[in-house]
Amino acid sequence: MAVGTVKSALGVLRNESLIASRQGEGSWVRQVLPEAPAADTMDPSDTQGVLSEILNRLDEVNTRLAAIEERLPRSAR
């Protein structure tokens, strides 16, 4: 993979606030999703509600990923 492609990808991720970088320390993934409810606050009998929440969050992640991929050069996809 070309250095320019990696730098471009890191720039996109940084602009999306998905990673943080510090010179001399590197880059790392930020915690961007809201904290999941504690297991003891979820009603185990509400399987449909839990599944619905998981699918909603997955849809949000897919939407964000698609937006990031659109910004990457075609050669990096």
Protein backbone atom coordinates (compact mmCIF):
# COMPACT_ATOMS: atom_id res chain seq x y z
CA MET A 1 0.00 0.00 0.00
CA ALA A 2 1.33 3.43 -0.90
CA VAL A 3 2.33 5.87 1.86
CA GLY A 4 0.06 8.53 0.34
CA THR A 5 -2.93 6.19 0.54
CA VAL A 6 -2.27 5.47 4.21
CA LYS A 7 -1.85 9.17 5.01
CA SER A 8 -5.06 9.96 3.14
CA ALA A 9 -6.97 7.25 5.01
CA LEU A 10 -5.62 8.43 8.37
CA GLY A 11 -6.61 12.00 7.47
CA VAL A 12 -10.18 10.93 6.70
CA LEU A 13 -10.41 8.95 9.93
CA ARG A 14 -8.97 11.88 11.90
CA ASN A 15 -11.47 14.31 10.29
CA GLU A 16 -14.30 11.98 11.28
CA SER A 17 -12.96 11.97 14.86
CA LEU A 18 -12.62 8.20 14.65
CA ILE A 19 -8.90 8.24 15.48
CA ALA A 20 -6.60 10.47 17.47
CA SER A 21 -2.94 11.02 16.66
CA ARG A 22 0.04 12.48 18.49
CA GLN A 23 3.45 12.97 16.98
CA GLY A 24 5.83 10.43 18.42
CA GLU A 25 3.00 8.36 19.91
CA GLY A 26 1.08 7.15 16.86
CA SER A 27 -2.62 6.92 16.11
CA TRP A 28 -5.35 5.10 17.96
CA VAL A 29 -9.09 4.52 17.66
CA ARG A 30 -11.33 6.77 19.71
CA GLN A 31 -14.39 5.57 21.56
CA VAL A 32 -17.12 7.21 19.47
CA LEU A 33 -20.23 5.17 20.10
CA PRO A 34 -22.39 5.93 23.11
CA GLU A 35 -21.91 3.64 26.01
CA ALA A 36 -24.12 0.58 25.85
CA PRO A 37 -26.65 0.23 28.65
CA ALA A 38 -25.40 -1.80 31.56
CA ALA A 39 -26.44 -5.44 31.37
CA ASP A 40 -28.38 -5.16 34.61
CA THR A 41 -30.56 -2.34 33.21
CA MET A 42 -31.61 -4.30 30.12
CA ASP A 43 -34.76 -6.36 30.32
CA PRO A 44 -33.78 -9.84 29.10
CA SER A 45 -37.38 -10.50 28.10
CA ASP A 46 -37.23 -7.54 25.68
CA THR A 47 -35.29 -9.46 23.05
CA GLN A 48 -36.98 -7.59 20.21
CA GLY A 49 -36.09 -4.21 21.75
CA VAL A 50 -32.46 -5.21 22.29
CA LEU A 51 -32.18 -6.57 18.76
CA SER A 52 -33.76 -3.41 17.37
CA GLU A 53 -31.22 -1.25 19.21
CA ILE A 54 -28.33 -3.36 17.90
CA LEU A 55 -29.63 -3.09 14.32
CA ASN A 56 -30.07 0.69 14.66
CA ARG A 57 -26.49 1.11 15.88
CA LEU A 58 -25.20 -1.15 13.11
CA ASP A 59 -27.06 0.95 10.54
CA GLU A 60 -25.44 4.11 11.96
CA VAL A 61 -21.98 2.53 11.74
CA ASN A 62 -22.60 1.40 8.16
CA THR A 63 -23.73 4.90 7.16
CA ARG A 64 -20.61 6.47 8.70
CA LEU A 65 -18.35 3.88 7.08
CA ALA A 66 -19.90 4.49 3.66
CA ALA A 67 -19.27 8.23 4.04
CA ILE A 68 -15.63 7.59 4.95
CA GLU A 69 -15.13 5.19 2.04
CA GLU A 70 -16.50 7.80 -0.38
CA ARG A 71 -13.70 10.13 0.63
CA LEU A 72 -10.94 7.60 0.02
CA PRO A 73 -9.22 7.37 -3.35
CA ARG A 74 -10.60 4.57 -5.54
CA SER A 75 -7.25 2.75 -5.28
CA ALA A 76 -7.64 2.44 -1.49
CA ARG A 77 -11.06 0.81 -1.55
